[in-house]
């Protein structure tokens, strides 16, 4: 198979991990200075936590799928 048997699982692991880490970092360390009036000063908490949770679930699922074989 092109690029390996577990390509979709590796992609889900990478995208889920990036989604989780990016949203957690948006909560932990918001931008120091506001760039313009249209950007938020901090991330909306409920949406950010929901997206981080979805990313973590996807990353965990993909990791378990890769380990289980």
Protein backbone atom coordinates (compact mmCIF):
# COMPACT_ATOMS: atom_id res chain seq x y z
CA UNK A 1 0.00 0.00 0.00
CA UNK A 2 1.14 3.54 -0.71
CA UNK A 3 2.93 5.09 2.30
CA UNK A 4 2.26 2.14 4.60
CA UNK A 5 -0.59 0.08 5.93
CA UNK A 6 -1.47 2.42 8.81
CA UNK A 7 -1.36 5.77 7.03
CA UNK A 8 -4.81 6.94 8.12
CA UNK A 9 -4.09 5.97 11.73
CA UNK A 10 -0.82 7.92 11.73
CA UNK A 11 -2.62 10.93 10.24
CA UNK A 12 -5.36 10.78 12.89
CA UNK A 13 -2.67 10.56 15.59
CA UNK A 14 -0.85 13.60 14.21
CA UNK A 15 -3.94 15.74 13.65
CA UNK A 16 -5.59 14.77 16.93
CA UNK A 17 -2.40 15.47 18.85
CA UNK A 18 -1.97 18.83 17.14
CA UNK A 19 -5.59 19.76 17.84
CA UNK A 20 -5.27 18.86 21.51
CA UNK A 21 -1.90 20.52 22.10
CA UNK A 22 -2.76 23.66 20.14
CA UNK A 23 -6.00 24.25 22.03
CA UNK A 24 -4.44 23.56 25.42
CA UNK A 25 -1.65 26.02 24.66
CA UNK A 26 -4.23 28.61 23.58
CA UNK A 27 -5.76 28.37 27.06
CA UNK A 28 -2.51 28.22 29.00
CA UNK A 29 -0.59 30.95 27.18
CA UNK A 30 -2.73 33.45 25.25
CA UNK A 31 -0.99 36.01 23.00
CA UNK A 32 0.92 38.70 24.88
CA UNK A 33 -0.32 41.59 22.74
CA UNK A 34 -3.50 41.96 20.75
CA UNK A 35 -2.77 42.37 17.02
CA UNK A 36 -5.95 44.21 16.08
CA UNK A 37 -9.51 44.81 17.26
CA UNK A 38 -10.91 41.71 15.50
CA UNK A 39 -8.73 39.16 17.37
CA UNK A 40 -9.80 37.90 20.78
CA UNK A 41 -7.62 38.61 23.80
CA UNK A 42 -8.07 35.03 25.04
CA UNK A 43 -9.59 31.86 23.66
CA UNK A 44 -13.23 30.99 24.46
CA UNK A 45 -12.92 28.41 27.24
CA UNK A 46 -15.85 26.09 26.44
CA UNK A 47 -15.06 25.78 22.73
CA UNK A 48 -11.33 25.39 23.37
CA UNK A 49 -11.83 22.65 25.96
CA UNK A 50 -14.29 20.84 23.67
CA UNK A 51 -11.86 20.93 20.73
CA UNK A 52 -8.94 19.82 22.93
CA UNK A 53 -11.03 16.91 24.20
CA UNK A 54 -11.95 15.84 20.66
CA UNK A 55 -8.31 16.00 19.63
CA UNK A 56 -7.18 14.01 22.66
CA UNK A 57 -9.80 11.32 22.05
CA UNK A 58 -8.73 11.01 18.40
CA UNK A 59 -5.03 10.83 19.34
CA UNK A 60 -5.64 8.23 22.05
CA UNK A 61 -7.78 6.14 19.69
CA UNK A 62 -5.09 6.24 17.01
CA UNK A 63 -2.31 5.38 19.48
CA UNK A 64 -4.24 2.42 20.85
CA UNK A 65 -4.99 1.24 17.30
CA UNK A 66 -1.30 1.37 16.40
CA UNK A 67 -0.21 -0.44 19.56
CA UNK A 68 -2.89 -3.12 19.32
CA UNK A 69 -1.90 -3.85 15.74
